[in-house]
Protein backbone atom coordinates (compact mmCIF):
# COMPACT_ATOMS: atom_id res chain seq x y z
CA MET A 1 172.06 -11.26 109.88
CA ASN A 2 169.59 -14.20 110.55
CA SER A 3 170.10 -16.23 107.92
CA ASN A 4 166.53 -16.94 107.64
CA LEU A 5 166.32 -13.02 107.17
CA LEU A 6 169.29 -14.15 103.94
CA GLN A 7 166.36 -17.10 103.08
CA GLN A 8 163.28 -14.60 103.21
CA HIS A 9 164.99 -12.00 101.60
CA ALA A 10 166.73 -14.28 98.55
CA ALA A 11 163.03 -16.01 98.09
CA PHE A 12 161.42 -12.53 97.82
CA LYS A 13 163.56 -10.84 95.51
CA ARG A 14 162.98 -14.01 93.49
CA GLN A 15 159.57 -14.05 93.48
CA ALA A 16 160.20 -10.15 92.16
CA ALA A 17 162.21 -10.93 89.39
CA SER A 18 159.58 -13.79 87.91
CA ALA A 19 156.40 -10.95 88.66
CA THR A 20 158.23 -8.93 85.70
CA SER A 21 159.35 -11.23 83.63
CA SER A 22 156.22 -12.59 82.99
CA PRO A 23 155.00 -10.97 80.07
CA SER A 24 151.68 -8.45 81.53
CA THR A 25 148.42 -9.88 79.76
CA LYS A 26 147.71 -6.59 77.48
CA PRO A 27 143.71 -5.95 76.82
CA SER A 28 142.48 -7.57 73.29
CA SER A 29 143.01 -4.37 71.01
CA ARG A 30 140.49 -6.31 69.30
CA SER A 31 136.24 -4.76 70.15
CA GLU A 32 133.41 -6.58 70.65
CA PRO A 33 130.91 -6.54 66.75
CA SER A 34 128.71 -3.94 67.67
CA LYS A 35 124.84 -4.71 68.39
CA LYS A 36 122.64 -5.09 64.61
CA ARG A 37 120.63 -2.27 65.31
CA PHE A 38 117.07 -3.20 65.19
CA LYS A 39 114.81 -2.98 61.38
CA PRO A 40 111.42 -4.05 61.67
CA ASP A 41 110.33 -5.68 58.89
CA LEU A 42 106.34 -3.57 58.92
CA LYS A 43 104.89 -4.42 55.27
CA SER A 44 104.55 -8.23 55.69
CA VAL A 45 103.33 -7.87 59.45
CA SER A 46 100.56 -4.98 57.47
CA GLN A 47 99.76 -8.37 55.10
CA ASN A 48 98.84 -9.75 57.97
CA PRO A 49 94.70 -10.40 58.56
CA ASN A 50 94.52 -9.90 62.57
CA THR A 51 96.61 -6.35 62.26
CA PHE A 52 92.79 -5.18 62.84
CA LYS A 53 91.73 -7.46 64.81
CA TRP A 54 95.51 -6.47 67.56
CA LEU A 55 94.98 -2.38 66.82
CA LYS A 56 91.51 -2.27 67.97
CA LEU A 57 91.56 -4.75 71.42
CA SER A 58 94.63 -2.14 72.06
CA VAL A 59 92.52 0.81 71.36
CA ASP A 60 89.12 -0.86 73.47
CA LYS A 61 92.13 -1.69 76.62
CA LEU A 62 93.02 2.34 76.16
CA ARG A 63 89.83 3.64 75.81
CA LYS A 64 88.70 1.05 79.27
CA ARG A 65 91.80 1.86 81.35
CA TYR A 66 91.05 5.74 80.53
CA GLN A 67 87.41 5.08 82.28
CA LYS A 68 89.03 4.16 86.02
CA GLU A 69 92.98 5.98 86.00
CA ARG A 70 94.51 8.68 83.99
CA LYS A 71 98.06 7.69 83.48
CA PRO A 72 99.41 5.70 80.53
CA VAL A 73 100.52 3.10 79.98
CA SER A 74 103.86 0.65 77.94
CA ILE A 75 103.23 -0.31 74.55
CA GLU A 76 104.63 -4.06 77.03
CA ASP A 77 102.02 -3.68 78.92
CA LEU A 78 99.63 -2.91 76.94
CA ILE A 79 100.04 -5.84 75.24
CA LYS A 80 100.13 -8.34 78.41
CA ALA A 81 97.10 -6.71 79.38
CA VAL A 82 95.83 -7.75 76.17
CA ASN A 83 97.11 -11.07 76.44
CA LEU A 84 98.33 -10.97 72.58
CA ASP A 85 101.32 -12.98 71.64
CA LEU A 86 103.41 -10.54 68.97
CA ASP A 87 106.68 -10.60 67.52
CA PRO A 88 109.13 -8.08 67.92
CA HIS A 89 108.20 -6.83 64.09
CA GLU A 90 104.98 -7.14 65.46
CA LYS A 91 104.93 -5.51 68.33
CA SER A 92 106.85 -2.22 66.33
CA TRP A 93 104.38 -2.31 64.47
CA LEU A 94 101.44 -2.22 66.76
CA ALA A 95 103.73 0.73 68.76
CA ASN A 96 103.42 2.95 65.20
CA ALA A 97 99.82 1.63 64.79
CA LEU A 98 98.99 3.39 67.71
CA LYS A 99 100.75 6.73 67.19
CA GLU A 100 98.99 7.63 64.01
CA ASN A 101 95.72 6.09 65.92
CA VAL A 102 93.48 9.68 66.00
CA LYS A 103 92.35 8.14 69.39
CA VAL A 104 95.26 7.61 71.21
CA THR A 105 97.94 9.94 72.13
CA TYR A 106 101.54 9.03 72.86
CA ASP A 107 103.92 10.49 75.39
CA ARG A 108 107.31 10.88 73.23
CA GLU A 109 109.61 11.31 76.32
CA LYS A 110 108.22 8.56 78.39
CA ASP A 111 107.66 6.13 74.99
CA LYS A 112 103.72 6.04 76.88
CA PHE A 113 100.99 5.61 75.52
CA ALA A 114 97.20 6.67 76.57
CA PHE A 115 93.07 6.81 75.38
CA LYS A 116 92.29 10.05 73.90
CA PRO A 117 88.64 10.47 74.19
CA ALA A 118 86.85 13.56 72.21
CA TYR A 119 86.30 16.08 75.49
CA PRO A 120 87.46 16.09 78.81
CA ILE A 121 85.36 15.13 81.23
CA HIS A 122 85.44 12.75 84.00
CA ASN A 123 81.86 13.28 86.04
CA LYS A 124 78.31 14.88 85.82
CA VAL A 125 80.18 18.30 86.31
CA ASP A 126 82.45 18.00 83.60
CA LEU A 127 79.90 16.81 81.25
CA LEU A 128 77.02 19.58 82.28
CA THR A 129 79.07 22.57 81.73
CA LEU A 130 79.96 21.08 78.76
CA LEU A 131 76.17 20.79 77.36
CA ARG A 132 76.49 24.46 78.74
CA ASP A 133 78.86 25.45 77.11
CA HIS A 134 78.00 24.35 73.88
CA TYR A 135 74.06 26.18 73.93
CA GLU A 136 75.25 29.66 75.16
CA THR A 137 78.20 29.42 72.47
CA GLY A 138 75.39 28.11 69.31
CA MET A 139 77.49 25.07 68.53
CA GLY A 140 74.61 23.00 69.46
CA GLY A 141 74.58 19.72 71.77
CA ILE A 142 77.60 16.50 71.47
CA LEU A 143 77.38 12.94 70.46
CA GLU A 144 76.23 10.60 73.14
CA ALA A 145 78.63 8.07 72.20
CA ASP A 146 81.64 11.02 73.02
CA VAL A 147 80.58 10.43 76.79
CA LYS A 148 80.36 6.94 76.38
CA GLU A 149 83.98 6.88 76.12
CA CYS A 150 85.20 9.48 78.08
CA LEU A 151 82.56 7.97 81.27
CA ILE A 152 81.61 4.20 83.22
CA LYS A 153 78.88 5.21 84.00
CA HIS A 154 77.73 7.58 81.27
CA ASP A 155 74.10 6.03 81.64
CA GLU A 156 72.79 7.24 85.26
CA VAL A 157 74.66 10.72 84.79
CA ILE A 158 72.18 11.08 81.38
CA GLN A 159 69.51 9.74 83.74
CA GLU A 160 70.03 12.20 86.50
CA LEU A 161 70.13 15.30 84.13
CA LYS A 162 66.98 13.99 81.71
CA SER A 163 64.92 13.90 85.62
CA GLU A 164 67.10 17.31 86.72
CA SER A 165 65.11 19.21 84.16
CA LEU A 166 69.09 20.00 83.06
CA LEU A 167 69.12 17.91 79.38
CA LYS A 168 66.90 16.97 75.73
CA VAL A 169 68.36 14.12 74.02
CA VAL A 170 67.39 14.25 70.67
CA VAL A 171 67.29 10.96 68.53
CA ARG A 172 68.67 11.54 64.85
CA SER A 173 67.65 10.09 61.33
CA ASP A 174 70.49 7.88 61.23
CA LYS A 175 69.98 6.32 64.91
CA GLN A 176 72.56 9.33 66.79
CA SER A 177 71.23 10.54 69.54
CA VAL A 178 72.59 13.63 70.58
CA LEU A 179 72.44 15.51 73.77
CA PHE A 180 71.23 19.15 74.23
CA TYR A 181 71.23 21.50 77.59
CA ARG A 182 67.81 22.36 78.65
CA ASP A 183 67.13 26.15 79.15
CA THR A 184 63.90 25.87 81.03
CA SER A 185 63.85 29.53 81.70
CA VAL A 186 63.03 30.20 77.35
CA GLU A 187 59.79 27.44 78.31
CA HIS A 188 56.51 28.74 79.11
CA PRO A 189 53.27 26.64 78.26
CA MET A 190 51.39 27.06 75.50
CA GLU A 191 47.65 27.12 75.87
CA THR A 192 45.14 24.94 74.42
CA GLN A 193 43.44 26.24 72.37
CA PHE A 194 46.58 28.04 70.94
CA ALA A 195 48.22 24.15 70.24
CA GLU A 196 44.53 22.88 68.95
CA LEU A 197 44.88 25.16 66.40
CA TRP A 198 49.32 24.45 64.97
CA ASN A 199 47.44 20.98 64.86
CA SER A 200 44.65 22.40 62.89
CA VAL A 201 47.54 23.64 60.18
CA SER A 202 47.87 21.28 57.54
CA VAL A 203 50.97 21.82 55.68
CA ARG A 204 51.31 17.94 53.20
CA GLU A 205 50.15 19.79 50.56
CA ILE A 206 53.24 22.89 51.39
CA THR A 207 57.03 21.81 49.98
CA GLU A 208 60.01 23.21 50.81
CA GLN A 209 60.18 24.99 48.02
CA ASP A 210 57.27 26.70 48.48
CA ILE A 211 58.53 27.28 51.98
CA GLU A 212 61.89 28.97 50.59
CA ASN A 213 59.67 31.30 48.02
CA TYR A 214 57.67 32.18 50.49
CA LEU A 215 60.67 33.54 52.14
CA LYS A 216 61.82 35.17 49.83
CA ARG A 217 58.56 36.99 48.94
CA VAL A 218 58.37 38.06 52.81
CA GLY A 219 62.04 39.55 52.29
CA ILE A 220 63.51 36.07 54.59
CA ALA A 221 67.24 34.45 54.05
CA THR A 222 67.64 30.75 53.38
CA ILE A 223 70.43 30.05 55.18
CA GLU A 224 72.50 27.97 52.39
CA GLY A 225 72.52 24.19 52.34
CA PHE A 226 69.57 24.85 54.89
CA MET A 227 66.97 23.14 52.26
CA SER A 228 67.45 20.14 50.62
CA LYS A 229 69.11 20.11 47.39
CA LYS A 230 66.66 19.64 44.68
CA LYS A 231 66.71 16.24 42.80
CA ALA A 232 68.36 15.98 39.83
CA ALA A 233 66.50 16.06 37.17
CA THR A 234 66.00 12.48 36.02
CA LYS A 235 67.07 12.48 31.69
CA LYS A 236 64.26 11.05 29.88
CA ILE A 237 64.96 7.65 27.58
CA PRO A 238 63.27 8.53 24.04
CA ALA A 239 61.46 6.26 23.70
CA LYS A 240 62.18 3.82 20.45
CA ARG A 241 61.66 4.58 17.13
CA ARG A 242 60.46 1.40 15.36
CA ARG A 243 61.90 1.51 11.86
CA ASN A 244 60.26 1.38 8.90
CA VAL A 245 60.55 -2.14 6.91
CA ARG A 246 59.95 -1.97 3.40
CA MET A 247 57.41 -4.85 2.91
CA LEU A 248 57.53 -6.68 0.02
CA ASN A 249 55.05 -8.45 -2.06
CA SER A 250 52.13 -7.10 -0.46
CA HIS A 251 49.81 -8.01 -3.19
CA LEU A 252 49.82 -11.41 -1.48
CA ASP A 253 46.66 -11.85 1.74
CA SER A 254 48.18 -11.88 5.00
CA LYS A 255 46.27 -14.85 5.96
CA MET A 256 48.30 -17.19 3.05
CA LEU A 257 51.68 -15.53 4.36
CA LYS A 258 53.30 -18.65 7.15
CA GLU A 259 56.40 -18.48 8.72
CA PHE A 260 58.89 -21.80 8.34
CA ASN A 261 61.64 -22.08 10.68
């Protein structure tokens, strides 16, 4: 056999022997220390005076986003859009506060938030359909403030419906505007003489109690809670009685008596 081959064979055996004799590096049986689960300190964060500001800005941003697009957003993207600088504890507090807010819906599967409007309306047709449904079912009108949350150009939509004689706006005593569906089929013009007679009748001296008594006499029952509640009778404060003080030295003339302080 060739000497070169013998030398190569011997070198190979030495290399194989050294490889088998070297201790194998076994992986350490000690597992890596497990990461501690993050526990947000919500109690201390709730004492921060800026928490209400964070929540208000976030809900307003969700409302504006809802008017443009209906896609939900994650808490990270929402904080970035509002331009808030929050630590992990404050971020957890805001997420929990949004989950409990009545104006916000939370998708647990996607872990995202979206604005929750009072009514699912997106345009003029939806608003008209909603008003007509309320009218036909006897539910009355809807607040204009609720419509503002749903539509971007709510003023233009309301004006269009008013110009088409399909909408009527009533301002309540608390200055809130209520939208009603206008049914022109039940509206009939009144003759001038009847309108003048109606306006000529004065009801200033008639109280609500008189109206209620009249309705009862003619057999018409009033709706419970419709008439204003009677004012609670004010308790008369008894006049203070003057004490009977026994006068001494009554034989002396009043002009002779003087006070000396």
